[in-house]
């Protein structure tokens, strides 16, 4: 007995076959696309970007974290003593890209502590970009306080916890 081939059945089989091929192509393209995406991220990793600061306090916290990361030997961990040997207030100016435009001592009675604070900020450049905080002039000027626990180690006011009581 010879099989009977109906034209409608041939059409259905053809469509099903083409659909299957299309599905295979789509799956292959998806896998290829995924592999290309992963390879691109491995060989060309995205540079990490700082989160957009919500306001000045948030930005100062980002800057303080950057300074402490770049100056671990000068960071004091723990509770600050009740009597601090030095307090240095710096005025820091950055451009919209986070490049340090200026840093000056605003207040200090200890020249050695002042130099440590200035050097720490300069070593930390570039700082996180201030984003919308610098839109009007292209620069942002703010103050940060360095609280020295001893002659060389400090905490930044934006990150410091409570100070020990006497």
C-alpha atoms as a PDB file:
ATOM      1  CA  UNK A   1       0.000   0.000   0.000  1.00  0.00           C
ATOM      2  CA  UNK A   2       1.330   3.297  -1.053  1.00  0.00           C
ATOM      3  CA  UNK A   3       1.041   6.273   1.416  1.00  0.00           C
ATOM      4  CA  UNK A   4      -1.276   9.020   0.331  1.00  0.00           C
ATOM      5  CA  UNK A   5       0.195  12.505   0.607  1.00  0.00           C
ATOM      6  CA  UNK A   6      -2.342  15.235   0.961  1.00  0.00           C
ATOM      7  CA  UNK A   7      -1.423  18.790  -0.011  1.00  0.00           C
ATOM      8  CA  UNK A   8      -2.798  20.243   3.277  1.00  0.00           C
ATOM      9  CA  UNK A   9      -0.691  17.832   5.324  1.00  0.00           C
ATOM     10  CA  UNK A  10       2.432  18.803   3.380  1.00  0.00           C
ATOM     11  CA  UNK A  11       1.708  22.442   4.142  1.00  0.00           C
ATOM     12  CA  UNK A  12       1.257  21.756   7.879  1.00  0.00           C
ATOM     13  CA  UNK A  13       4.464  19.704   8.019  1.00  0.00           C
ATOM     14  CA  UNK A  14       6.339  22.420   6.136  1.00  0.00           C
ATOM     15  CA  UNK A  15       5.110  25.156   8.472  1.00  0.00           C
ATOM     16  CA  UNK A  16       5.945  23.053  11.537  1.00  0.00           C
ATOM     17  CA  UNK A  17       9.421  22.380  10.162  1.00  0.00           C
ATOM     18  CA  UNK A  18      10.002  26.026   9.417  1.00  0.00           C
ATOM     19  CA  UNK A  19       8.745  27.010  12.840  1.00  0.00           C
ATOM     20  CA  UNK A  20      11.108  24.534  14.403  1.00  0.00           C
ATOM     21  CA  UNK A  21      14.013  25.948  12.435  1.00  0.00           C
ATOM     22  CA  UNK A  22      13.016  29.434  13.443  1.00  0.00           C
ATOM     23  CA  UNK A  23      12.884  28.371  17.083  1.00  0.00           C
ATOM     24  CA  UNK A  24      16.305  26.779  16.786  1.00  0.00           C
ATOM     25  CA  UNK A  25      17.710  29.935  15.212  1.00  0.00           C
ATOM     26  CA  UNK A  26      16.147  32.106  17.916  1.00  0.00           C
ATOM     27  CA  UNK A  27      17.589  29.899  20.667  1.00  0.00           C
ATOM     28  CA  UNK A  28      21.016  29.895  18.988  1.00  0.00           C
ATOM     29  CA  UNK A  29      20.936  33.673  18.657  1.00  0.00           C
ATOM     30  CA  UNK A  30      19.978  34.051  22.320  1.00  0.00           C
ATOM     31  CA  UNK A  31      22.858  31.822  23.445  1.00  0.00           C
ATOM     32  CA  UNK A  32      25.305  33.648  21.161  1.00  0.00           C
ATOM     33  CA  UNK A  33      24.057  37.002  22.414  1.00  0.00           C
ATOM     34  CA  UNK A  34      24.422  35.882  26.057  1.00  0.00           C
ATOM     35  CA  UNK A  35      27.941  34.551  25.478  1.00  0.00           C
ATOM     36  CA  UNK A  36      28.956  37.790  23.723  1.00  0.00           C
ATOM     37  CA  UNK A  37      27.519  39.840  26.617  1.00  0.00           C
ATOM     38  CA  UNK A  38      29.424  37.831  29.254  1.00  0.00           C
ATOM     39  CA  UNK A  39      32.658  37.924  27.223  1.00  0.00           C
ATOM     40  CA  UNK A  40      32.361  41.679  26.803  1.00  0.00           C
ATOM     41  CA  UNK A  41      31.915  42.163  30.564  1.00  0.00           C
ATOM     42  CA  UNK A  42      34.907  39.913  31.315  1.00  0.00           C
ATOM     43  CA  UNK A  43      37.285  41.459  28.816  1.00  0.00           C
ATOM     44  CA  UNK A  44      35.942  45.013  29.017  1.00  0.00           C
ATOM     45  CA  UNK A  45      34.554  45.403  32.537  1.00  0.00           C
ATOM     46  CA  UNK A  46      32.478  48.479  33.178  1.00  0.00           C
ATOM     47  CA  UNK A  47      34.174  51.033  35.356  1.00  0.00           C
ATOM     48  CA  UNK A  48      32.363  51.254  38.663  1.00  0.00           C
ATOM     49  CA  UNK A  49      30.525  54.470  39.137  1.00  0.00           C
ATOM     50  CA  UNK A  50      29.646  56.130  42.388  1.00  0.00           C
ATOM     51  CA  UNK A  51      25.960  56.326  43.122  1.00  0.00           C
ATOM     52  CA  UNK A  52      24.390  59.694  42.481  1.00  0.00           C
ATOM     53  CA  UNK A  53      24.413  61.605  45.784  1.00  0.00           C
ATOM     54  CA  UNK A  54      20.994  62.523  47.154  1.00  0.00           C
ATOM     55  CA  UNK A  55      22.314  65.706  48.791  1.00  0.00           C
ATOM     56  CA  UNK A  56      25.389  67.318  50.303  1.00  0.00           C
ATOM     57  CA  UNK A  57      25.505  65.045  53.374  1.00  0.00           C
ATOM     58  CA  UNK A  58      25.303  61.961  51.160  1.00  0.00           C
ATOM     59  CA  UNK A  59      28.080  63.330  48.947  1.00  0.00           C
ATOM     60  CA  UNK A  60      30.295  64.118  51.938  1.00  0.00           C
ATOM     61  CA  UNK A  61      29.824  60.526  53.127  1.00  0.00           C
ATOM     62  CA  UNK A  62      30.944  59.245  49.705  1.00  0.00           C
ATOM     63  CA  UNK A  63      34.010  61.501  49.827  1.00  0.00           C
ATOM     64  CA  UNK A  64      34.829  60.419  53.385  1.00  0.00           C
ATOM     65  CA  UNK A  65      34.673  56.760  52.342  1.00  0.00           C
ATOM     66  CA  UNK A  66      36.995  57.468  49.424  1.00  0.00           C
ATOM     67  CA  UNK A  67      39.498  59.265  51.690  1.00  0.00           C
ATOM     68  CA  UNK A  68      39.490  56.426  54.230  1.00  0.00           C
ATOM     69  CA  UNK A  69      39.909  53.802  51.481  1.00  0.00           C
ATOM     70  CA  UNK A  70      42.904  55.627  50.022  1.00  0.00           C
ATOM     71  CA  UNK A  71      44.557  56.339  53.397  1.00  0.00           C
ATOM     72  CA  UNK A  72      44.155  53.215  55.556  1.00  0.00           C
ATOM     73  CA  UNK A  73      47.319  53.886  57.591  1.00  0.00           C
ATOM     74  CA  UNK A  74      45.871  57.167  58.876  1.00  0.00           C
ATOM     75  CA  UNK A  75      42.385  55.922  59.715  1.00  0.00           C
ATOM     76  CA  UNK A  76      41.525  55.459  63.381  1.00  0.00           C
ATOM     77  CA  UNK A  77      39.126  52.586  64.012  1.00  0.00           C
ATOM     78  CA  UNK A  78      37.054  52.532  67.150  1.00  0.00           C
ATOM     79  CA  UNK A  79      35.635  55.088  69.528  1.00  0.00           C
ATOM     80  CA  UNK A  80      37.399  58.435  69.533  1.00  0.00           C
ATOM     81  CA  UNK A  81      38.936  59.437  72.878  1.00  0.00           C
ATOM     82  CA  UNK A  82      37.238  62.192  74.920  1.00  0.00           C
ATOM     83  CA  UNK A  83      40.107  64.648  74.385  1.00  0.00           C
ATOM     84  CA  UNK A  84      41.224  64.960  70.770  1.00  0.00           C
ATOM     85  CA  UNK A  85      44.799  66.142  70.204  1.00  0.00           C
ATOM     86  CA  UNK A  86      43.871  67.864  66.916  1.00  0.00           C
ATOM     87  CA  UNK A  87      40.873  68.860  64.839  1.00  0.00           C
ATOM     88  CA  UNK A  88      41.397  70.013  61.258  1.00  0.00           C
ATOM     89  CA  UNK A  89      38.667  71.508  59.091  1.00  0.00           C
ATOM     90  CA  UNK A  90      39.381  71.549  55.372  1.00  0.00           C
ATOM     91  CA  UNK A  91      37.552  73.425  52.634  1.00  0.00           C
ATOM     92  CA  UNK A  92      37.484  71.170  49.579  1.00  0.00           C
ATOM     93  CA  UNK A  93      36.511  72.217  46.048  1.00  0.00           C
ATOM     94  CA  UNK A  94      35.871  69.659  43.303  1.00  0.00           C
ATOM     95  CA  UNK A  95      34.758  70.054  39.714  1.00  0.00           C
ATOM     96  CA  UNK A  96      31.765  68.183  38.312  1.00  0.00           C
ATOM     97  CA  UNK A  97      34.012  65.215  37.405  1.00  0.00           C
ATOM     98  CA  UNK A  98      35.332  64.883  40.970  1.00  0.00           C
ATOM     99  CA  UNK A  99      38.756  66.328  40.176  1.00  0.00           C
ATOM    100  CA  UNK A 100      40.211  68.236  43.108  1.00  0.00           C
ATOM    101  CA  UNK A 101      40.230  71.937  42.207  1.00  0.00           C
ATOM    102  CA  UNK A 102      41.377  73.247  45.602  1.00  0.00           C
ATOM    103  CA  UNK A 103      41.845  72.188  49.206  1.00  0.00           C
ATOM    104  CA  UNK A 104      42.676  74.596  52.038  1.00  0.00           C
ATOM    105  CA  UNK A 105      42.878  74.477  55.808  1.00  0.00           C
ATOM    106  CA  UNK A 106      39.894  76.334  57.196  1.00  0.00           C
ATOM    107  CA  UNK A 107      40.705  75.714  60.863  1.00  0.00           C
ATOM    108  CA  UNK A 108      43.529  73.995  62.728  1.00  0.00           C
ATOM    109  CA  UNK A 109      45.969  74.521  65.580  1.00  0.00           C
ATOM    110  CA  UNK A 110      48.291  71.677  64.597  1.00  0.00           C
ATOM    111  CA  UNK A 111      50.409  72.113  61.441  1.00  0.00           C
ATOM    112  CA  UNK A 112      51.405  68.411  61.359  1.00  0.00           C
ATOM    113  CA  UNK A 113      47.786  67.257  61.530  1.00  0.00           C
ATOM    114  CA  UNK A 114      46.876  69.841  58.882  1.00  0.00           C
ATOM    115  CA  UNK A 115      49.496  68.422  56.534  1.00  0.00           C
ATOM    116  CA  UNK A 116      48.267  64.854  57.083  1.00  0.00           C
ATOM    117  CA  UNK A 117      44.682  65.928  56.321  1.00  0.00           C
ATOM    118  CA  UNK A 118      45.699  67.880  53.188  1.00  0.00           C
ATOM    119  CA  UNK A 119      47.857  65.016  51.900  1.00  0.00           C
ATOM    120  CA  UNK A 120      45.065  62.498  52.561  1.00  0.00           C
ATOM    121  CA  UNK A 121      42.581  64.462  50.459  1.00  0.00           C
ATOM    122  CA  UNK A 122      45.073  65.035  47.652  1.00  0.00           C
ATOM    123  CA  UNK A 123      45.952  61.310  47.616  1.00  0.00           C
ATOM    124  CA  UNK A 124      42.254  60.484  47.275  1.00  0.00           C
ATOM    125  CA  UNK A 125      41.699  62.453  44.082  1.00  0.00           C
ATOM    126  CA  UNK A 126      39.706  62.027  41.963  1.00  0.00           C
ATOM    127  CA  UNK A 127      36.822  62.137  44.396  1.00  0.00           C
ATOM    128  CA  UNK A 128      33.336  60.913  43.512  1.00  0.00           C
ATOM    129  CA  UNK A 129      31.656  63.231  40.982  1.00  0.00           C
ATOM    130  CA  UNK A 130      29.214  65.557  42.768  1.00  0.00           C
ATOM    131  CA  UNK A 131      26.680  65.196  39.929  1.00  0.00           C
ATOM    132  CA  UNK A 132      23.779  67.662  40.237  1.00  0.00           C
ATOM    133  CA  UNK A 133      25.376  69.339  43.287  1.00  0.00           C
ATOM    134  CA  UNK A 134      27.846  71.083  40.946  1.00  0.00           C
ATOM    135  CA  UNK A 135      25.470  71.982  38.114  1.00  0.00           C
ATOM    136  CA  UNK A 136      25.183  75.724  38.728  1.00  0.00           C
ATOM    137  CA  UNK A 137      28.906  76.624  38.684  1.00  0.00           C
ATOM    138  CA  UNK A 138      30.522  73.366  37.609  1.00  0.00           C
ATOM    139  CA  UNK A 139      32.193  73.150  41.046  1.00  0.00           C
ATOM    140  CA  UNK A 140      31.241  72.209  44.567  1.00  0.00           C
ATOM    141  CA  UNK A 141      32.891  73.566  47.709  1.00  0.00           C
ATOM    142  CA  UNK A 142      32.271  71.922  51.072  1.00  0.00           C
ATOM    143  CA  UNK A 143      33.991  71.427  54.426  1.00  0.00           C
ATOM    144  CA  UNK A 144      35.127  68.196  56.043  1.00  0.00           C
ATOM    145  CA  UNK A 145      36.410  67.807  59.593  1.00  0.00           C
ATOM    146  CA  UNK A 146      39.286  65.493  60.482  1.00  0.00           C
ATOM    147  CA  UNK A 147      39.091  64.344  64.106  1.00  0.00           C
ATOM    148  CA  UNK A 148      42.544  63.168  65.206  1.00  0.00           C
ATOM    149  CA  UNK A 149      42.626  60.429  67.831  1.00  0.00           C
ATOM    150  CA  UNK A 150      46.426  60.592  68.042  1.00  0.00           C
ATOM    151  CA  UNK A 151      49.228  62.350  66.202  1.00  0.00           C
ATOM    152  CA  UNK A 152      48.629  60.595  62.857  1.00  0.00           C
ATOM    153  CA  UNK A 153      45.273  58.813  62.816  1.00  0.00           C
ATOM    154  CA  UNK A 154      41.866  60.378  62.311  1.00  0.00           C
ATOM    155  CA  UNK A 155      38.219  59.805  61.648  1.00  0.00           C
ATOM    156  CA  UNK A 156      36.233  61.989  59.303  1.00  0.00           C
ATOM    157  CA  UNK A 157      33.234  63.728  60.835  1.00  0.00           C
ATOM    158  CA  UNK A 158      30.976  62.444  58.034  1.00  0.00           C
ATOM    159  CA  UNK A 159      31.698  58.840  59.137  1.00  0.00           C
ATOM    160  CA  UNK A 160      32.640  59.188  62.809  1.00  0.00           C
ATOM    161  CA  UNK A 161      30.616  57.559  65.530  1.00  0.00           C
ATOM    162  CA  UNK A 162      30.085  58.989  68.986  1.00  0.00           C
ATOM    163  CA  UNK A 163      33.084  60.118  70.985  1.00  0.00           C
ATOM    164  CA  UNK A 164      33.962  58.508  74.325  1.00  0.00           C
ATOM    165  CA  UNK A 165      32.861  60.412  77.400  1.00  0.00           C
ATOM    166  CA  UNK A 166      35.284  61.255  80.169  1.00  0.00           C
END
